[in-house]
């Protein structure tokens, strides 16, 4: 039972993170009805693609990553495609996390962009360069704190939805489509499939899939409650920013600062500040450590300086070069993720069994994410 519970929290903890900050910004134009509908669809796609990856693992009889599965089932070309997309996604997410942290620090402490970036470099260096044993303890602590802060913040933000945007946007795809890459990235749990399979054992496939069902349902509920609470709070206490949200183009730091300014008491403001930072840092820590571990298995393993420049230097540069980098790069990451989360698993599955209607539906959703990012 403990393995099942641990797996559920691993899955939900992997998903919950930067989405808490990005989703209210990207969902404002949709209104709550369509936001809840899209969250439900993204939940279903995340669960089905996770089950598809688990089925591929069961077919090979060992807990393999999607890169290893691609190599075993299809060969070097599929392996290279999966590996490149995985590296690209990890780097894109790190860039988004870096930009988000920089924006939050800048708004909290009224720092210049240069100073906030230097502070981010120091913070990320500490997260990425500590020993594995220490990192595991630190990461577990951050996830526990994050979940506690989420619960506290939802109950300390009294919703008041009178006048909140609930317009019908079904005929306006220009509002609906840009939300798809963001929500798809926010449900990214497929990378933990081999870890869950190894932890629970391949003889417990039903239990593994049940863990993924519950583990993806928790983020869906958290996201729905959080988006509703944040948007109603902004509407009531900072209507000018809410109008700016509807028109697009606000920085993540502005949103968090507005929430903190509307707090009725100091504890509530502290909770919101800590939540915004831990939401990004918990996601950044796992992504950064994973990318560093992967790079150490390549020819770069002896060049620690180059690895550091890749995982910290590139995000710092893009934060300076790309305006509103957090949302833009997070959305771009959603498009990249479709390769090894949807397209590659469905392709690999087609080589060993028939493609189901559920797989076709996931392919359609993945295609919409790509179209949204490239053309909307």
Protein backbone atom coordinates (compact mmCIF):
# COMPACT_ATOMS: atom_id res chain seq x y z
CA UNK A 1 0.00 0.00 0.00
CA UNK A 2 2.85 2.38 0.80
CA UNK A 3 4.31 1.85 -2.69
CA UNK A 4 0.95 2.74 -4.21
CA UNK A 5 0.59 5.91 -2.12
CA UNK A 6 4.18 6.95 -2.82
CA UNK A 7 3.61 6.44 -6.54
CA UNK A 8 0.43 8.54 -6.48
CA UNK A 9 2.27 11.41 -4.80
CA UNK A 10 5.22 11.06 -7.17
CA UNK A 11 2.87 11.34 -10.17
CA UNK A 12 0.84 14.26 -8.80
CA UNK A 13 3.95 16.03 -7.51
CA UNK A 14 5.54 15.74 -10.95
CA UNK A 15 2.54 17.40 -12.58
CA UNK A 16 1.83 20.12 -10.03
CA UNK A 17 4.35 22.91 -10.32
CA UNK A 18 4.77 25.79 -12.73
CA UNK A 19 1.25 25.16 -14.07
CA UNK A 20 -0.08 26.82 -10.92
CA UNK A 21 1.48 30.07 -12.09
CA UNK A 22 0.96 29.81 -15.85
CA UNK A 23 -2.58 28.44 -16.01
CA UNK A 24 -4.46 31.43 -14.48
CA UNK A 25 -2.70 33.75 -16.94
CA UNK A 26 -3.50 31.61 -19.98
CA UNK A 27 -7.04 30.65 -18.85
CA UNK A 28 -8.36 34.16 -18.16
CA UNK A 29 -9.72 34.68 -21.68
CA UNK A 30 -11.48 31.30 -21.78
CA UNK A 31 -13.81 31.75 -18.86
CA UNK A 32 -14.34 29.04 -16.24
CA UNK A 33 -16.70 26.78 -18.19
CA UNK A 34 -14.28 26.13 -21.03
CA UNK A 35 -11.33 26.01 -18.66
CA UNK A 36 -12.93 23.13 -16.76
CA UNK A 37 -13.76 21.33 -20.01
CA UNK A 38 -10.19 21.57 -21.32
CA UNK A 39 -8.76 20.48 -17.97
CA UNK A 40 -10.98 17.39 -18.14
CA UNK A 41 -9.80 16.58 -21.68
CA UNK A 42 -6.13 17.10 -20.74
CA UNK A 43 -6.61 14.83 -17.71
CA UNK A 44 -7.98 12.07 -19.95
CA UNK A 45 -5.16 12.44 -22.50
CA UNK A 46 -2.52 12.40 -19.75
CA UNK A 47 -3.97 9.25 -18.20
CA UNK A 48 -4.36 7.43 -21.53
CA UNK A 49 -0.85 8.26 -22.76
CA UNK A 50 0.60 7.19 -19.41
CA UNK A 51 -1.24 3.86 -19.68
CA UNK A 52 0.03 3.49 -23.24
CA UNK A 53 3.63 3.94 -22.07
CA UNK A 54 3.04 1.47 -19.22
CA UNK A 55 1.70 -1.09 -21.74
CA UNK A 56 4.86 -0.65 -23.83
CA UNK A 57 6.97 -1.22 -20.71
CA UNK A 58 4.97 -4.36 -19.87
CA UNK A 59 5.46 -5.63 -23.44
CA UNK A 60 9.26 -5.39 -23.05
CA UNK A 61 9.18 -6.84 -19.55
CA UNK A 62 11.37 -4.18 -17.92
CA UNK A 63 11.10 -0.58 -16.77
CA UNK A 64 12.46 1.36 -19.75
CA UNK A 65 12.32 5.06 -20.61
CA UNK A 66 10.64 6.19 -23.82
CA UNK A 67 14.11 6.62 -25.38
CA UNK A 68 15.02 3.03 -24.51
CA UNK A 69 11.62 1.77 -25.67
CA UNK A 70 12.07 3.59 -28.98
CA UNK A 71 15.43 1.90 -29.48
CA UNK A 72 14.22 -1.60 -28.60
CA UNK A 73 10.97 -1.53 -30.56
CA UNK A 74 11.86 0.61 -33.59
CA UNK A 75 15.62 1.25 -33.73
CA UNK A 76 18.13 4.10 -33.80
CA UNK A 77 16.05 6.64 -35.76
CA UNK A 78 13.15 6.47 -33.31
CA UNK A 79 15.63 6.56 -30.42
CA UNK A 80 17.28 9.71 -31.81
CA UNK A 81 13.93 11.46 -32.31
CA UNK A 82 12.83 10.64 -28.75
CA UNK A 83 16.17 11.66 -27.28
CA UNK A 84 16.35 14.99 -29.14
CA UNK A 85 12.76 15.91 -28.21
CA UNK A 86 13.39 14.95 -24.57
CA UNK A 87 16.52 17.10 -24.37
CA UNK A 88 14.77 19.98 -26.14
CA UNK A 89 11.80 19.80 -23.77
CA UNK A 90 13.98 19.68 -20.65
CA UNK A 91 15.96 22.70 -21.81
CA UNK A 92 12.81 24.62 -22.80
CA UNK A 93 11.22 23.95 -19.41
CA UNK A 94 14.38 25.06 -17.61
CA UNK A 95 14.29 28.31 -19.60
CA UNK A 96 10.65 28.85 -18.61
CA UNK A 97 11.32 28.09 -14.94
CA UNK A 98 14.31 30.43 -14.93
CA UNK A 99 12.29 33.25 -16.49
CA UNK A 100 9.41 32.72 -14.06
CA UNK A 101 11.68 32.72 -11.01
CA UNK A 102 13.46 35.83 -12.25
CA UNK A 103 10.16 37.66 -12.78
CA UNK A 104 8.89 36.72 -9.32
CA UNK A 105 12.12 37.77 -7.55
CA UNK A 106 12.18 41.02 -9.51
CA UNK A 107 8.62 41.94 -8.48
CA UNK A 108 8.94 40.76 -4.87
CA UNK A 109 12.16 42.60 -4.05
CA UNK A 110 12.04 45.34 -6.74
CA UNK A 111 15.26 44.11 -8.30
CA UNK A 112 16.60 45.00 -11.72
CA UNK A 113 16.45 42.27 -14.33
CA UNK A 114 20.22 41.77 -14.17
CA UNK A 115 20.26 41.34 -10.38
CA UNK A 116 17.26 38.97 -10.42
CA UNK A 117 18.98 36.83 -13.08
CA UNK A 118 22.15 36.65 -10.98
CA UNK A 119 20.01 35.56 -8.01
CA UNK A 120 18.40 32.87 -10.19
CA UNK A 121 21.81 31.62 -11.33
CA UNK A 122 22.87 31.23 -7.69
CA UNK A 123 19.60 29.50 -6.71
CA UNK A 124 19.59 27.07 -9.62
CA UNK A 125 23.28 26.28 -9.15
CA UNK A 126 22.60 25.22 -5.57
CA UNK A 127 19.65 23.05 -6.65
CA UNK A 128 21.50 21.34 -9.49
CA UNK A 129 24.94 20.83 -7.98
CA UNK A 130 24.14 19.34 -4.57
CA UNK A 131 24.64 15.62 -3.98
CA UNK A 132 21.90 13.18 -5.01
CA UNK A 133 21.11 12.06 -1.45
CA UNK A 134 20.79 15.66 -0.27
CA UNK A 135 18.73 16.56 -3.34
CA UNK A 136 16.21 13.76 -2.69
CA UNK A 137 15.63 15.03 0.85
CA UNK A 138 15.43 18.65 -0.30
CA UNK A 139 13.06 17.85 -3.17
CA UNK A 140 10.76 15.76 -0.95
CA UNK A 141 10.65 18.63 1.53
CA UNK A 142 9.84 21.17 -1.21
CA UNK A 143 7.01 19.01 -2.60
CA UNK A 144 5.50 18.58 0.88
CA UNK A 145 5.73 22.33 1.51
CA UNK A 146 4.23 23.05 -1.92
CA UNK A 147 1.18 20.82 -1.34
CA UNK A 148 0.66 22.37 2.11
CA UNK A 149 0.87 25.89 0.64
CA UNK A 150 -1.59 25.02 -2.13
CA UNK A 151 -4.18 23.84 0.39
CA UNK A 152 -3.59 26.87 2.57
CA UNK A 153 -3.76 29.36 -0.29
CA UNK A 154 -6.97 27.96 -1.78
CA UNK A 155 -8.76 28.25 1.56
CA UNK A 156 -7.38 31.74 2.26
CA UNK A 157 -8.57 33.15 -1.09
CA UNK A 158 -12.35 33.67 -0.81
CA UNK A 159 -13.82 33.31 -4.32
CA UNK A 160 -16.40 35.78 -5.61
CA UNK A 161 -17.28 35.03 -9.20
CA UNK A 162 -19.77 37.83 -9.82
CA UNK A 163 -18.78 39.40 -13.14
CA UNK A 164 -16.01 36.86 -13.87
CA UNK A 165 -15.49 36.13 -17.55
CA UNK A 166 -17.81 33.23 -18.43
CA UNK A 167 -18.51 34.10 -22.05
CA UNK A 168 -19.05 31.40 -24.66
CA UNK A 169 -15.88 31.22 -26.79
CA UNK A 170 -16.78 28.01 -28.66
CA UNK A 171 -16.79 29.85 -31.96
CA UNK A 172 -13.49 31.62 -31.37
CA UNK A 173 -10.58 29.19 -31.70
CA UNK A 174 -8.03 32.00 -31.35
CA UNK A 175 -8.92 32.10 -27.63
CA UNK A 176 -9.22 28.35 -27.10
CA UNK A 177 -6.19 26.99 -28.97
CA UNK A 178 -3.33 28.87 -27.17
CA UNK A 179 -4.46 27.29 -23.89
CA UNK A 180 -3.83 23.74 -25.16
CA UNK A 181 0.02 23.70 -25.06
CA UNK A 182 0.05 25.21 -21.56
CA UNK A 183 -2.45 22.74 -20.07
CA UNK A 184 -0.74 19.84 -21.87
CA UNK A 185 2.63 20.77 -20.35
CA UNK A 186 0.99 21.10 -16.93
CA UNK A 187 -0.05 17.43 -17.01
CA UNK A 188 3.40 16.13 -17.95
CA UNK A 189 3.80 12.92 -15.89
CA UNK A 190 4.79 10.37 -18.51
CA UNK A 191 8.49 10.67 -17.74
CA UNK A 192 7.93 8.95 -14.36
CA UNK A 193 6.33 5.84 -15.93
CA UNK A 194 9.50 3.69 -15.67
CA UNK A 195 10.11 4.79 -12.07
CA UNK A 196 6.54 3.91 -11.04
CA UNK A 197 6.70 0.59 -12.93
CA UNK A 198 9.97 -0.31 -11.22
CA UNK A 199 8.70 0.76 -7.80
CA UNK A 200 5.39 -1.15 -7.95
CA UNK A 201 6.50 -4.09 -10.11
CA UNK A 202 5.30 -5.06 -13.57
CA UNK A 203 3.03 -7.75 -12.10
CA UNK A 204 0.79 -4.97 -10.73
CA UNK A 205 -0.22 -3.29 -14.00
CA UNK A 206 -3.78 -2.59 -12.82
CA UNK A 207 -2.47 -0.97 -9.65
CA UNK A 208 0.04 1.08 -11.67
CA UNK A 209 -2.69 2.39 -13.96
CA UNK A 210 -4.89 3.13 -10.94
CA UNK A 211 -2.01 5.11 -9.43
CA UNK A 212 -1.76 7.16 -12.63
CA UNK A 213 -5.53 7.74 -12.64
CA UNK A 214 -5.50 9.10 -9.09
CA UNK A 215 -2.14 10.82 -9.58
CA UNK A 216 -3.42 12.80 -12.58
CA UNK A 217 -6.84 13.44 -11.04
CA UNK A 218 -5.27 15.28 -8.07
CA UNK A 219 -3.57 17.92 -10.29
CA UNK A 220 -6.78 18.34 -12.28
CA UNK A 221 -8.75 19.15 -9.13
CA UNK A 222 -5.98 21.40 -7.79
CA UNK A 223 -5.70 23.27 -11.11
CA UNK A 224 -9.46 23.83 -11.37
CA UNK A 225 -9.75 25.16 -7.80
CA UNK A 226 -6.59 27.25 -8.10
CA UNK A 227 -7.54 28.91 -11.41
CA UNK A 228 -11.00 29.74 -10.09
CA UNK A 229 -9.64 31.12 -6.80
CA UNK A 230 -6.90 33.22 -8.43
CA UNK A 231 -9.03 34.72 -11.20
CA UNK A 232 -11.89 35.62 -8.88
CA UNK A 233 -9.46 37.16 -6.40
CA UNK A 234 -7.81 39.28 -9.14
CA UNK A 235 -11.22 40.31 -10.50
CA UNK A 236 -12.41 41.51 -7.09
CA UNK A 237 -9.25 43.16 -5.76
CA UNK A 238 -7.34 44.26 -8.87
CA UNK A 239 -9.78 44.73 -11.70
CA UNK A 240 -7.27 46.72 -13.76
CA UNK A 241 -4.91 43.73 -13.80
CA UNK A 242 -7.83 41.42 -14.62
CA UNK A 243 -8.60 43.54 -17.68
CA UNK A 244 -4.91 43.38 -18.58
CA UNK A 245 -5.09 39.59 -18.22
CA UNK A 246 -7.98 39.47 -20.69
CA UNK A 247 -5.95 41.56 -23.14
CA UNK A 248 -2.85 39.41 -22.64
CA UNK A 249 0.79 40.25 -21.97
CA UNK A 250 1.33 40.32 -18.21
CA UNK A 251 4.42 38.93 -16.47
CA UNK A 252 4.06 36.11 -13.96
CA UNK A 253 5.58 38.33 -11.28
CA UNK A 254 2.81 40.91 -11.75
CA UNK A 255 0.15 38.28 -11.09
CA UNK A 256 1.81 36.98 -7.94
CA UNK A 257 2.52 40.48 -6.63
CA UNK A 258 -1.11 41.47 -7.13
CA UNK A 259 -2.29 38.41 -5.21
CA UNK A 260 0.07 39.24 -2.35
CA UNK A 261 -1.01 42.89 -2.28
CA UNK A 262 -4.65 41.87 -1.94
CA UNK A 263 -3.94 39.67 1.10
CA UNK A 264 -6.01 40.54 4.20
CA UNK A 265 -3.22 39.56 6.59
CA UNK A 266 0.55 39.06 6.46
CA UNK A 267 0.43 35.23 6.72
CA UNK A 268 -1.70 35.02 3.60
CA UNK A 269 0.81 37.15 1.67
CA UNK A 270 3.71 35.00 2.89
CA UNK A 271 1.87 31.82 1.83
CA UNK A 272 1.31 33.18 -1.68
CA UNK A 273 4.92 34.32 -2.04
CA UNK A 274 6.30 30.97 -0.93
CA UNK A 275 3.80 29.08 -3.08
CA UNK A 276 4.80 30.92 -6.25
CA UNK A 277 8.49 30.22 -5.69
CA UNK A 278 8.13 26.58 -4.60
CA UNK A 279 5.74 25.85 -7.49
CA UNK A 280 8.50 26.69 -9.97
CA UNK A 281 11.51 25.45 -7.99
CA UNK A 282 10.07 21.96 -7.40
CA UNK A 283 9.55 21.58 -11.15
CA UNK A 284 12.93 23.11 -11.98
CA UNK A 285 14.83 20.88 -9.54
CA UNK A 286 13.60 17.60 -11.04
CA UNK A 287 13.97 18.79 -14.63
CA UNK A 288 17.48 20.15 -14.07
CA UNK A 289 18.80 17.08 -12.26
CA UNK A 290 17.29 14.82 -14.93
CA UNK A 291 18.89 16.79 -17.77
CA UNK A 292 22.29 16.87 -16.04
CA UNK A 293 22.14 13.10 -15.47
CA UNK A 294 21.30 12.51 -19.13
CA UNK A 295 24.08 14.81 -20.37
CA UNK A 296 26.59 12.99 -18.15
CA UNK A 297 25.81 9.81 -20.10
CA UNK A 298 26.91 11.49 -23.36
CA UNK A 299 30.32 12.63 -24.60
CA UNK A 300 29.87 15.79 -22.52
CA UNK A 301 30.28 13.88 -19.22
CA UNK A 302 33.88 15.09 -18.75
CA UNK A 303 33.08 18.74 -19.49
CA UNK A 304 31.28 19.94 -16.37
CA UNK A 305 31.65 23.58 -17.37
CA UNK A 306 29.83 23.02 -20.68
CA UNK A 307 27.05 21.12 -18.91
CA UNK A 308 26.67 24.04 -16.47
CA UNK A 309 26.50 26.51 -19.35
CA UNK A 310 23.77 24.41 -21.00
CA UNK A 311 21.51 23.99 -17.96
CA UNK A 312 22.03 27.48 -16.47
CA UNK A 313 23.68 29.70 -19.10
CA UNK A 314 21.14 29.15 -21.90
CA UNK A 315 18.09 29.83 -19.64
CA UNK A 316 19.76 33.00 -18.34
CA UNK A 317 20.44 34.25 -21.88
CA UNK A 318 16.91 33.52 -23.14
CA UNK A 319 15.39 35.26 -20.11
CA UNK A 320 17.24 38.41 -21.16
CA UNK A 321 16.47 37.98 -24.88
CA UNK A 322 12.80 36.86 -24.90
CA UNK A 323 10.06 39.15 -23.49
CA UNK A 324 7.49 37.35 -21.28
CA UNK A 325 9.64 34.22 -21.69
CA UNK A 326 7.84 32.15 -19.03
CA UNK A 327 4.54 31.67 -20.89
CA UNK A 328 6.07 31.67 -24.38
CA UNK A 329 8.68 28.99 -23.66
CA UNK A 330 6.31 26.89 -21.54
CA UNK A 331 3.88 26.85 -24.46
CA UNK A 332 6.71 25.88 -26.84
CA UNK A 333 7.63 23.06 -24.46
CA UNK A 334 4.10 21.68 -24.75
CA UNK A 335 4.53 21.33 -28.51
CA UNK A 336 7.86 19.51 -28.10
CA UNK A 337 6.39 17.17 -25.48
CA UNK A 338 3.84 15.80 -27.94
CA UNK A 339 6.64 13.90 -29.72
CA UNK A 340 7.56 11.50 -26.91
CA UNK A 341 4.34 11.77 -24.88
CA UNK A 342 1.84 11.07 -27.69
CA UNK A 343 3.25 10.57 -31.19
CA UNK A 344 6.15 8.21 -30.39
CA UNK A 345 4.23 5.96 -27.93
CA UNK A 346 1.33 5.60 -30.39
CA UNK A 347 3.79 4.82 -33.20
CA UNK A 348 5.61 2.22 -31.09
CA UNK A 349 2.32 0.69 -30.03
CA UNK A 350 1.24 0.41 -33.68
CA UNK A 351 4.23 -1.85 -34.31
CA UNK A 352 3.07 -4.41 -31.76
CA UNK A 353 -0.75 -4.05 -31.74
CA UNK A 354 -3.69 -2.26 -33.36
CA UNK A 355 -4.21 1.46 -32.85
CA UNK A 356 -7.29 2.05 -30.67
CA UNK A 357 -9.82 4.87 -30.92
CA UNK A 358 -8.40 6.29 -27.68
CA UNK A 359 -4.96 6.49 -29.30
CA UNK A 360 -6.45 8.25 -32.33
CA UNK A 361 -8.14 10.77 -30.02
CA UNK A 362 -4.80 11.41 -28.28
CA UNK A 363 -3.16 11.91 -31.70
CA UNK A 364 -5.81 14.51 -32.60
CA UNK A 365 -5.21 16.34 -29.32
CA UNK A 366 -1.45 16.28 -29.93
CA UNK A 367 -1.93 17.64 -33.44
CA UNK A 368 -4.08 20.48 -32.05
CA UNK A 369 -1.32 21.35 -29.55
CA UNK A 370 1.22 21.57 -32.37
CA UNK A 371 -1.11 23.64 -34.57
CA UNK A 372 -1.90 25.96 -31.64
CA UNK A 373 1.78 26.64 -31.00
CA UNK A 374 2.82 27.06 -34.63
CA UNK A 375 -0.12 28.95 -36.11
CA UNK A 376 -2.22 30.53 -33.31
